[in-house]
Amino acid sequence: MTTSLAKGLIGKKLGMTRLFLREGEAVPVTVIETGPAAVVQIKTRAADGYEAVQLGFGPKKEKHSSKPERGHAARAGATGFKILREFDLAPGAEPVPGGQVTLDMFAPGEKISVTGTSKGKGFAGVMKRHGFHGGRATHGCLTPRSGGSIGCAADPGRVFPGRRMAGHAGHRRTTVKNLTVMDVRPEYGVILLRGAVPGPNGGLVLLKKN
């Protein structure tokens, strides 16, 4: 594992498969595509009030980039990036615009966190959205999937904010912590993580070191 400039990397979820261990165990893994990310900008405490490194992921054609985007990406020697995200600086790192953060920063067996946007479920009831058990499944029950009472009558005579009710489910920024890195394959530009990560196939994810 080489010394990294940032404490994270940008990736794209490709899908899930399984990995067979030498002991014969089949482990479900998520395959994430993440290649070298260009260092676009360095945020300093003197100029910006905090320290961070801005990474660019996915090249963007010049005709699809605005003039400010082209000027900003020129620091990294590119015409534009589809994705720009900021990460904390790695301890002792002194990055410069134009450098690269590679997949070698992760090692098998390491625990990392993954942030993504969960799958959108549309409008959902309380059982699907919050896990309510519903009404009694008996003869005569007219509300088998209802949330029941949502408040009192006369006092206080209103529904308190934050009451769990039916509504839009999913499509929220979600972080899963302590996922184990099962394998790192720089020659293919992919990393294999044990278990599932948020979002659909092709979705943007952020890999962060704990």
Protein backbone atom coordinates (compact mmCIF):
# COMPACT_ATOMS: atom_id res chain seq x y z
CA MET A 1 0.00 0.00 0.00
CA THR A 2 1.43 3.36 -1.04
CA THR A 3 1.19 6.66 0.76
CA SER A 4 -2.01 8.44 -0.24
CA LEU A 5 -2.73 12.13 -0.57
CA ALA A 6 -6.39 11.95 0.49
CA LYS A 7 -8.40 9.86 2.93
CA GLY A 8 -10.91 8.79 0.30
CA LEU A 9 -11.64 8.06 -3.33
CA ILE A 10 -14.54 8.42 -5.77
CA GLY A 11 -16.01 5.31 -7.39
CA LYS A 12 -18.89 3.82 -9.34
CA LYS A 13 -20.85 0.78 -8.19
CA LEU A 14 -20.79 -1.94 -10.86
CA GLY A 15 -22.85 -4.61 -9.11
CA MET A 16 -22.58 -7.61 -6.81
CA THR A 17 -21.02 -11.03 -7.18
CA ARG A 18 -19.42 -13.59 -4.86
CA LEU A 19 -15.89 -14.44 -3.94
CA PHE A 20 -14.79 -17.96 -3.00
CA LEU A 21 -12.27 -18.13 -0.16
CA ARG A 22 -9.69 -20.86 0.22
CA GLU A 23 -11.71 -22.32 3.08
CA GLY A 24 -14.57 -22.89 0.63
CA GLU A 25 -16.76 -20.06 1.94
CA ALA A 26 -18.70 -18.01 -0.63
CA VAL A 27 -18.65 -14.33 0.35
CA PRO A 28 -21.02 -11.79 -1.28
CA VAL A 29 -19.04 -8.79 -2.51
CA THR A 30 -19.78 -5.49 -4.23
CA VAL A 31 -17.57 -4.53 -7.16
CA ILE A 32 -16.70 -0.83 -7.30
CA GLU A 33 -14.88 0.75 -10.21
CA THR A 34 -12.45 3.42 -9.08
CA GLY A 35 -9.37 4.50 -10.94
CA PRO A 36 -6.78 7.22 -10.45
CA ALA A 37 -8.46 10.44 -9.32
CA ALA A 38 -6.82 13.73 -10.25
CA VAL A 39 -6.04 16.32 -7.58
CA VAL A 40 -7.85 19.42 -8.84
CA GLN A 41 -7.60 21.84 -5.90
CA ILE A 42 -6.00 22.09 -2.48
CA LYS A 43 -8.07 23.77 0.24
CA THR A 44 -5.92 25.47 2.89
CA ARG A 45 -6.81 26.84 6.29
CA ALA A 46 -5.36 30.23 5.39
CA ALA A 47 -7.36 30.68 2.19
CA ASP A 48 -10.50 28.58 2.77
CA GLY A 49 -10.72 28.13 6.53
CA TYR A 50 -10.21 24.34 6.41
CA GLU A 51 -7.91 21.75 4.89
CA ALA A 52 -9.07 19.36 2.20
CA VAL A 53 -8.19 18.03 -1.22
CA GLN A 54 -10.61 18.19 -4.16
CA LEU A 55 -10.58 15.19 -6.48
CA GLY A 56 -11.93 14.89 -10.00
CA PHE A 57 -13.40 11.66 -11.36
CA GLY A 58 -14.50 10.84 -14.89
CA PRO A 59 -13.18 12.89 -17.81
CA LYS A 60 -15.49 15.42 -19.39
CA LYS A 61 -15.25 16.53 -23.00
CA GLU A 62 -14.30 20.14 -23.62
CA LYS A 63 -17.49 20.85 -25.56
CA HIS A 64 -19.52 19.72 -22.52
CA SER A 65 -17.59 21.91 -20.07
CA SER A 66 -18.23 25.57 -19.40
CA LYS A 67 -15.39 28.07 -19.50
CA PRO A 68 -15.12 28.25 -15.66
CA GLU A 69 -15.08 24.43 -15.50
CA ARG A 70 -12.30 24.24 -18.09
CA GLY A 71 -10.26 26.83 -16.23
CA HIS A 72 -10.73 25.01 -12.93
CA ALA A 73 -9.80 21.62 -14.40
CA ALA A 74 -6.77 23.04 -16.21
CA ARG A 75 -4.87 22.91 -12.90
CA ALA A 76 -5.01 19.13 -13.17
CA GLY A 77 -4.22 19.15 -16.89
CA ALA A 78 -7.74 18.20 -17.98
CA THR A 79 -10.63 19.81 -19.85
CA GLY A 80 -13.21 18.96 -17.20
CA PHE A 81 -14.49 16.36 -14.75
CA LYS A 82 -17.92 14.82 -14.36
CA ILE A 83 -17.60 14.55 -10.59
CA LEU A 84 -15.79 16.79 -8.09
CA ARG A 85 -15.66 15.81 -4.41
CA GLU A 86 -13.62 16.85 -1.40
CA PHE A 87 -11.83 14.58 1.08
CA ASP A 88 -9.75 15.12 4.19
CA LEU A 89 -6.03 15.26 3.73
CA ALA A 90 -4.07 12.16 4.65
CA PRO A 91 -1.65 12.63 7.57
CA GLY A 92 1.64 14.08 6.37
CA ALA A 93 0.42 14.50 2.78
CA GLU A 94 1.50 17.50 0.72
CA PRO A 95 -0.51 17.19 -2.51
CA VAL A 96 -0.21 19.53 -5.46
CA PRO A 97 -2.73 20.13 -8.27
CA GLY A 98 -2.16 17.65 -11.05
CA GLY A 99 -1.24 14.75 -8.79
CA GLN A 100 -3.16 11.50 -8.59
CA VAL A 101 -4.79 9.42 -5.87
CA THR A 102 -4.73 5.74 -6.77
CA LEU A 103 -6.48 2.58 -5.65
CA ASP A 104 -3.32 1.42 -3.88
CA MET A 105 -4.38 3.43 -0.83
CA PHE A 106 -6.63 0.49 0.19
CA ALA A 107 -5.45 -2.94 1.29
CA PRO A 108 -7.28 -6.29 1.69
CA GLY A 109 -8.64 -6.75 5.20
CA GLU A 110 -8.98 -3.02 5.82
CA LYS A 111 -12.22 -1.52 7.13
CA ILE A 112 -13.63 1.44 5.20
CA SER A 113 -16.85 3.47 4.96
CA VAL A 114 -18.93 3.86 1.80
CA THR A 115 -21.32 6.75 1.15
CA GLY A 116 -23.91 6.74 -1.63
CA THR A 117 -27.50 7.59 -2.51
CA SER A 118 -29.90 4.79 -1.65
CA LYS A 119 -32.37 3.43 -4.20
CA GLY A 120 -35.55 5.45 -4.50
CA LYS A 121 -38.73 3.54 -3.57
CA GLY A 122 -41.29 6.23 -4.39
CA PHE A 123 -44.31 6.80 -2.13
CA ALA A 124 -44.45 4.03 0.46
CA GLY A 125 -46.59 3.17 3.45
CA VAL A 126 -45.43 2.94 7.03
CA MET A 127 -44.75 -0.81 6.88
CA LYS A 128 -42.36 -0.55 3.96
CA ARG A 129 -40.91 2.82 4.91
CA HIS A 130 -40.46 2.43 8.67
CA GLY A 131 -40.97 -1.27 9.35
CA PHE A 132 -44.30 -1.03 11.22
CA HIS A 133 -45.93 -4.39 11.92
CA GLY A 134 -49.39 -3.21 10.85
CA GLY A 135 -52.79 -3.99 12.32
CA ARG A 136 -54.06 -7.30 13.63
CA ALA A 137 -54.29 -9.91 10.90
CA THR A 138 -57.70 -11.14 12.06
CA HIS A 139 -61.19 -11.32 10.60
CA GLY A 140 -62.77 -7.90 10.62
CA CYS A 141 -59.56 -5.85 10.68
CA LEU A 142 -59.96 -3.04 8.15
CA THR A 143 -56.48 -1.54 8.57
CA PRO A 144 -53.96 -4.41 8.23
CA ARG A 145 -51.22 -2.10 6.90
CA SER A 146 -52.14 1.13 8.67
CA GLY A 147 -49.96 3.09 11.05
CA GLY A 148 -52.71 3.49 13.61
CA SER A 149 -53.28 6.66 15.62
CA ILE A 150 -51.03 9.62 14.82
CA GLY A 151 -51.90 11.85 17.78
CA CYS A 152 -54.33 12.85 20.52
CA ALA A 153 -57.73 14.50 20.07
CA ALA A 154 -58.37 17.51 22.32
CA ASP A 155 -54.96 17.86 23.95
CA PRO A 156 -52.64 18.78 22.27
CA GLY A 157 -54.93 18.48 19.26
CA ARG A 158 -52.18 18.30 16.68
CA VAL A 159 -49.63 15.95 15.13
CA PHE A 160 -46.13 16.38 16.50
CA PRO A 161 -43.30 17.06 14.02
CA GLY A 162 -41.26 13.99 13.15
CA ARG A 163 -44.16 11.55 13.36
CA ARG A 164 -43.33 8.54 11.21
CA MET A 165 -45.94 8.35 8.47
CA ALA A 166 -46.27 7.29 4.85
CA GLY A 167 -44.25 9.26 2.31
CA HIS A 168 -41.28 9.24 -0.02
CA ALA A 169 -38.92 6.35 0.77
CA GLY A 170 -35.31 5.95 -0.26
CA HIS A 171 -33.15 8.23 -2.43
CA ARG A 172 -31.26 9.53 0.59
CA ARG A 173 -27.59 9.98 1.31
CA THR A 174 -26.57 6.83 3.18
CA THR A 175 -23.28 5.74 4.75
CA VAL A 176 -22.35 2.16 5.57
CA LYS A 177 -19.40 1.86 7.94
CA ASN A 178 -16.80 -0.83 8.56
CA LEU A 179 -17.05 -2.67 5.26
CA THR A 180 -14.19 -5.12 4.78
CA VAL A 181 -11.99 -4.81 1.70
CA MET A 182 -11.85 -8.34 0.30
CA ASP A 183 -9.58 -7.65 -2.67
CA VAL A 184 -7.98 -4.77 -4.57
CA ARG A 185 -7.29 -5.20 -8.29
CA PRO A 186 -5.53 -2.09 -9.67
CA GLU A 187 -4.99 -3.75 -13.06
CA TYR A 188 -8.78 -3.71 -13.56
CA GLY A 189 -9.41 -0.53 -11.58
CA VAL A 190 -11.83 -2.24 -9.17
CA ILE A 191 -12.12 -2.93 -5.46
CA LEU A 192 -14.20 -5.72 -3.90
CA LEU A 193 -16.05 -4.96 -0.66
CA ARG A 194 -17.79 -7.51 1.52
CA GLY A 195 -21.56 -7.03 1.60
CA ALA A 196 -23.80 -4.45 -0.02
CA VAL A 197 -23.30 -0.73 -0.51
CA PRO A 198 -25.99 1.95 -1.01
CA GLY A 199 -27.36 2.82 -4.41
CA PRO A 200 -28.13 1.20 -7.77
CA ASN A 201 -25.65 -0.23 -10.24
CA GLY A 202 -23.82 2.64 -11.90
CA GLY A 203 -24.39 4.92 -8.90
CA LEU A 204 -21.75 7.23 -7.46
CA VAL A 205 -20.11 6.15 -4.19
CA LEU A 206 -17.45 7.68 -1.98
CA LEU A 207 -14.90 5.38 -0.37
CA LYS A 208 -13.43 6.72 2.88
CA LYS A 209 -10.76 5.38 5.19
CA ASN A 210 -11.82 5.03 8.83
